[in-house]
Amino acid sequence: MARSRWPSSYRGIYFPNCRSVHSFFTFLRPDILFLDKSHKILKIFPSAGPWKVFLGPRGSRHCLELPGGFSRRSGLKPGGLVRLKTVIHR
């Protein structure tokens, strides 16, 4: 939040057990993906605008934010699976 550029060390931000997010104070226009329990993509909000609330569809379990336009460039679509790799920055 409140950043003008996506952090270069972040490929995405994963919110486990999260079925809704907001874009208040967010100026990056991220792609917002809602995933089911198996990480299947249920809904994509591409380049999500600021000052909005985004609700995942029925069956949503997790949320993944990616740099704006990444979903389109990578060919991500509802029904596809996302494999997560955890990286912790200290």
N, C-alpha and C. Protein backbone atom coordinates (compact mmCIF):
# COMPACT_ATOMS: atom_id res chain seq x y z
N MET A 1 0.84 -1.18 0.00
CA MET A 1 0.00 0.00 0.00
C MET A 1 0.88 1.24 0.00
N ALA A 2 0.38 2.28 -0.61
CA ALA A 2 1.03 3.59 -0.68
C ALA A 2 2.36 3.56 -1.43
N ARG A 3 2.60 2.55 -2.26
CA ARG A 3 3.82 2.50 -3.07
C ARG A 3 3.50 2.98 -4.48
N SER A 4 4.50 3.56 -5.11
CA SER A 4 4.30 4.01 -6.49
C SER A 4 4.87 3.01 -7.50
N ARG A 5 5.68 2.03 -7.01
CA ARG A 5 6.21 0.98 -7.88
C ARG A 5 6.15 -0.36 -7.17
N TRP A 6 5.95 -1.41 -7.96
CA TRP A 6 5.92 -2.76 -7.42
C TRP A 6 7.34 -3.09 -6.94
N PRO A 7 7.50 -3.63 -5.71
CA PRO A 7 8.84 -3.99 -5.22
C PRO A 7 9.49 -5.03 -6.14
N SER A 8 10.69 -4.76 -6.61
CA SER A 8 11.34 -5.64 -7.58
C SER A 8 11.62 -7.04 -7.03
N SER A 9 11.70 -7.17 -5.72
CA SER A 9 11.97 -8.48 -5.13
C SER A 9 10.70 -9.31 -4.92
N TYR A 10 9.54 -8.74 -5.21
CA TYR A 10 8.26 -9.44 -5.02
C TYR A 10 7.71 -9.90 -6.36
N ARG A 11 7.44 -11.18 -6.49
CA ARG A 11 6.74 -11.66 -7.69
C ARG A 11 5.23 -11.58 -7.49
N GLY A 12 4.80 -11.66 -6.25
CA GLY A 12 3.39 -11.57 -5.91
C GLY A 12 3.23 -11.55 -4.41
N ILE A 13 2.02 -11.25 -3.98
CA ILE A 13 1.70 -11.25 -2.56
C ILE A 13 0.51 -12.18 -2.35
N TYR A 14 0.69 -13.17 -1.51
CA TYR A 14 -0.31 -14.21 -1.27
C TYR A 14 -1.00 -13.94 0.06
N PHE A 15 -2.32 -13.97 0.04
CA PHE A 15 -3.14 -13.79 1.23
C PHE A 15 -3.92 -15.08 1.47
N PRO A 16 -3.41 -15.96 2.34
CA PRO A 16 -4.14 -17.20 2.61
C PRO A 16 -5.42 -16.91 3.40
N ASN A 17 -6.41 -17.76 3.19
CA ASN A 17 -7.69 -17.62 3.90
C ASN A 17 -8.25 -16.21 3.80
N CYS A 18 -8.29 -15.71 2.58
CA CYS A 18 -8.74 -14.34 2.33
C CYS A 18 -9.67 -14.37 1.12
N ARG A 19 -10.91 -13.96 1.33
CA ARG A 19 -11.90 -14.00 0.25
C ARG A 19 -12.31 -12.62 -0.26
N SER A 20 -11.68 -11.58 0.29
CA SER A 20 -11.94 -10.23 -0.21
C SER A 20 -10.73 -9.35 0.12
N VAL A 21 -10.48 -8.38 -0.73
CA VAL A 21 -9.40 -7.42 -0.51
C VAL A 21 -9.89 -6.04 -0.94
N HIS A 22 -9.18 -5.03 -0.48
CA HIS A 22 -9.49 -3.68 -0.92
C HIS A 22 -8.25 -3.06 -1.54
N SER A 23 -8.47 -2.03 -2.32
CA SER A 23 -7.34 -1.34 -2.94
C SER A 23 -7.25 0.10 -2.45
N PHE A 24 -7.68 0.34 -1.22
CA PHE A 24 -7.54 1.67 -0.63
C PHE A 24 -6.05 1.95 -0.45
N PHE A 25 -5.63 3.14 -0.78
CA PHE A 25 -4.23 3.56 -0.66
C PHE A 25 -3.29 2.72 -1.51
N THR A 26 -3.81 2.06 -2.54
CA THR A 26 -2.99 1.26 -3.43
C THR A 26 -2.98 1.93 -4.80
N PHE A 27 -1.80 2.22 -5.30
CA PHE A 27 -1.69 2.97 -6.55
C PHE A 27 -1.01 2.15 -7.65
N LEU A 28 -0.81 0.86 -7.41
CA LEU A 28 -0.07 0.02 -8.34
C LEU A 28 -0.93 -0.67 -9.39
N ARG A 29 -2.22 -0.74 -9.20
CA ARG A 29 -3.15 -1.43 -10.09
C ARG A 29 -2.74 -2.89 -10.31
N PRO A 30 -2.67 -3.66 -9.22
CA PRO A 30 -2.26 -5.07 -9.34
C PRO A 30 -3.34 -5.93 -9.98
N ASP A 31 -2.92 -7.08 -10.50
CA ASP A 31 -3.88 -8.12 -10.89
C ASP A 31 -4.26 -8.84 -9.60
N ILE A 32 -5.54 -9.01 -9.37
CA ILE A 32 -6.02 -9.70 -8.17
C ILE A 32 -6.65 -11.01 -8.61
N LEU A 33 -6.13 -12.11 -8.07
CA LEU A 33 -6.63 -13.44 -8.40
C LEU A 33 -7.24 -14.06 -7.15
N PHE A 34 -8.42 -14.62 -7.29
CA PHE A 34 -9.02 -15.39 -6.20
C PHE A 34 -8.89 -16.86 -6.55
N LEU A 35 -8.42 -17.62 -5.57
CA LEU A 35 -8.12 -19.04 -5.76
C LEU A 35 -8.97 -19.90 -4.85
N ASP A 36 -9.24 -21.14 -5.27
CA ASP A 36 -9.94 -22.07 -4.38
C ASP A 36 -8.92 -22.78 -3.50
N LYS A 37 -9.37 -23.77 -2.74
CA LYS A 37 -8.47 -24.46 -1.79
C LYS A 37 -7.35 -25.21 -2.48
N SER A 38 -7.51 -25.55 -3.76
CA SER A 38 -6.47 -26.26 -4.52
C SER A 38 -5.62 -25.30 -5.35
N HIS A 39 -5.83 -24.00 -5.16
CA HIS A 39 -5.14 -22.94 -5.89
C HIS A 39 -5.55 -22.86 -7.36
N LYS A 40 -6.76 -23.32 -7.66
CA LYS A 40 -7.33 -23.12 -9.00
C LYS A 40 -7.83 -21.68 -9.07
N ILE A 41 -7.56 -21.01 -10.18
CA ILE A 41 -7.99 -19.63 -10.36
C ILE A 41 -9.50 -19.60 -10.60
N LEU A 42 -10.21 -18.87 -9.75
CA LEU A 42 -11.65 -18.72 -9.91
C LEU A 42 -12.02 -17.41 -10.60
N LYS A 43 -11.27 -16.36 -10.29
CA LYS A 43 -11.60 -15.04 -10.83
C LYS A 43 -10.34 -14.20 -10.89
N ILE A 44 -10.19 -13.42 -11.95
CA ILE A 44 -9.09 -12.48 -12.09
C ILE A 44 -9.66 -11.08 -12.28
N PHE A 45 -9.18 -10.16 -11.47
CA PHE A 45 -9.47 -8.74 -11.66
C PHE A 45 -8.19 -8.11 -12.20
N PRO A 46 -8.09 -7.93 -13.52
CA PRO A 46 -6.84 -7.41 -14.10
C PRO A 46 -6.66 -5.92 -13.81
N SER A 47 -5.43 -5.56 -13.49
CA SER A 47 -5.07 -4.15 -13.24
C SER A 47 -6.13 -3.45 -12.40
N ALA A 48 -6.40 -4.00 -11.23
CA ALA A 48 -7.46 -3.51 -10.35
C ALA A 48 -7.23 -2.06 -9.95
N GLY A 49 -8.27 -1.29 -10.13
CA GLY A 49 -8.18 0.14 -9.83
C GLY A 49 -8.19 0.44 -8.34
N PRO A 50 -7.75 1.64 -7.98
CA PRO A 50 -7.69 2.03 -6.56
C PRO A 50 -9.07 2.35 -5.99
N TRP A 51 -9.14 2.30 -4.67
CA TRP A 51 -10.31 2.69 -3.90
C TRP A 51 -11.53 1.81 -4.17
N LYS A 52 -11.29 0.50 -4.29
CA LYS A 52 -12.38 -0.45 -4.52
C LYS A 52 -12.26 -1.64 -3.58
N VAL A 53 -13.35 -2.35 -3.44
CA VAL A 53 -13.38 -3.61 -2.69
C VAL A 53 -13.60 -4.73 -3.71
N PHE A 54 -12.83 -5.80 -3.60
CA PHE A 54 -12.93 -6.93 -4.51
C PHE A 54 -13.33 -8.17 -3.72
N LEU A 55 -14.42 -8.78 -4.13
CA LEU A 55 -14.94 -9.97 -3.46
C LEU A 55 -14.70 -11.19 -4.35
N GLY A 56 -14.16 -12.23 -3.74
CA GLY A 56 -13.97 -13.47 -4.47
C GLY A 56 -15.30 -14.17 -4.70
N PRO A 57 -15.41 -14.94 -5.77
CA PRO A 57 -16.65 -15.67 -6.03
C PRO A 57 -16.81 -16.84 -5.06
N ARG A 58 -17.95 -17.48 -5.11
CA ARG A 58 -18.22 -18.65 -4.27
C ARG A 58 -17.10 -19.66 -4.44
N GLY A 59 -16.62 -20.20 -3.34
CA GLY A 59 -15.55 -21.18 -3.37
C GLY A 59 -14.17 -20.58 -3.20
N SER A 60 -14.08 -19.25 -3.17
CA SER A 60 -12.77 -18.61 -2.99
C SER A 60 -12.23 -18.93 -1.61
N ARG A 61 -10.95 -19.17 -1.55
CA ARG A 61 -10.29 -19.46 -0.28
C ARG A 61 -9.10 -18.53 -0.06
N HIS A 62 -8.38 -18.19 -1.14
CA HIS A 62 -7.16 -17.40 -1.02
C HIS A 62 -7.16 -16.29 -2.07
N CYS A 63 -6.26 -15.32 -1.86
CA CYS A 63 -6.10 -14.23 -2.81
C CYS A 63 -4.62 -14.09 -3.16
N LEU A 64 -4.34 -13.76 -4.40
CA LEU A 64 -2.98 -13.55 -4.86
C LEU A 64 -2.95 -12.25 -5.64
N GLU A 65 -2.05 -11.35 -5.26
CA GLU A 65 -1.86 -10.11 -6.00
C GLU A 65 -0.57 -10.22 -6.78
N LEU A 66 -0.66 -9.85 -8.06
CA LEU A 66 0.48 -9.90 -8.97
C LEU A 66 0.65 -8.53 -9.61
N PRO A 67 1.84 -8.22 -10.11
CA PRO A 67 2.00 -6.93 -10.79
C PRO A 67 0.98 -6.78 -11.92
N GLY A 68 0.47 -5.59 -12.09
CA GLY A 68 -0.54 -5.33 -13.10
C GLY A 68 -0.12 -5.80 -14.48
N GLY A 69 -0.99 -6.53 -15.16
CA GLY A 69 -0.74 -7.03 -16.50
C GLY A 69 -0.04 -8.39 -16.55
N PHE A 70 0.45 -8.87 -15.40
CA PHE A 70 1.18 -10.14 -15.37
C PHE A 70 0.29 -11.30 -15.80
N SER A 71 -0.95 -11.31 -15.36
CA SER A 71 -1.87 -12.41 -15.70
C SER A 71 -2.05 -12.54 -17.20
N ARG A 72 -2.27 -11.42 -17.86
CA ARG A 72 -2.47 -11.44 -19.32
C ARG A 72 -1.20 -11.88 -20.03
N ARG A 73 -0.07 -11.31 -19.64
CA ARG A 73 1.21 -11.66 -20.29
C ARG A 73 1.58 -13.12 -20.08
N SER A 74 1.16 -13.68 -18.94
CA SER A 74 1.50 -15.07 -18.61
C SER A 74 0.44 -16.06 -19.06
N GLY A 75 -0.66 -15.57 -19.60
CA GLY A 75 -1.72 -16.46 -20.06
C GLY A 75 -2.53 -17.08 -18.94
N LEU A 76 -2.52 -16.48 -17.76
CA LEU A 76 -3.33 -17.00 -16.65
C LEU A 76 -4.80 -16.75 -16.92
N LYS A 77 -5.62 -17.79 -16.67
CA LYS A 77 -7.06 -17.68 -16.90
C LYS A 77 -7.80 -18.45 -15.82
N PRO A 78 -9.05 -18.08 -15.57
CA PRO A 78 -9.85 -18.87 -14.63
C PRO A 78 -9.87 -20.34 -15.05
N GLY A 79 -9.73 -21.21 -14.06
CA GLY A 79 -9.67 -22.65 -14.31
C GLY A 79 -8.25 -23.18 -14.26
N GLY A 80 -7.26 -22.29 -14.45
CA GLY A 80 -5.86 -22.70 -14.38
C GLY A 80 -5.41 -22.86 -12.93
N LEU A 81 -4.33 -23.57 -12.74
CA LEU A 81 -3.78 -23.77 -11.40
C LEU A 81 -2.56 -22.89 -11.20
N VAL A 82 -2.41 -22.42 -9.97
CA VAL A 82 -1.25 -21.61 -9.58
C VAL A 82 -0.43 -22.43 -8.61
N ARG A 83 0.86 -22.52 -8.89
CA ARG A 83 1.77 -23.20 -7.96
C ARG A 83 2.56 -22.12 -7.24
N LEU A 84 2.51 -22.15 -5.92
CA LEU A 84 3.15 -21.12 -5.12
C LEU A 84 4.51 -21.58 -4.61
N LYS A 85 5.44 -20.66 -4.59
CA LYS A 85 6.75 -20.89 -4.01
C LYS A 85 6.91 -19.83 -2.93
N THR A 86 7.15 -20.26 -1.71
CA THR A 86 7.25 -19.33 -0.59
C THR A 86 8.68 -18.83 -0.45
N VAL A 87 8.79 -17.52 -0.41
CA VAL A 87 10.07 -16.87 -0.17
C VAL A 87 9.84 -15.85 0.94
N ILE A 88 10.64 -15.93 1.97
CA ILE A 88 10.50 -14.99 3.09
C ILE A 88 11.69 -14.05 3.07
N HIS A 89 11.40 -12.76 3.02
CA HIS A 89 12.44 -11.74 3.06
C HIS A 89 12.60 -11.24 4.49
N ARG A 90 13.80 -11.15 4.93
CA ARG A 90 14.04 -10.65 6.29
C ARG A 90 14.87 -9.39 6.22
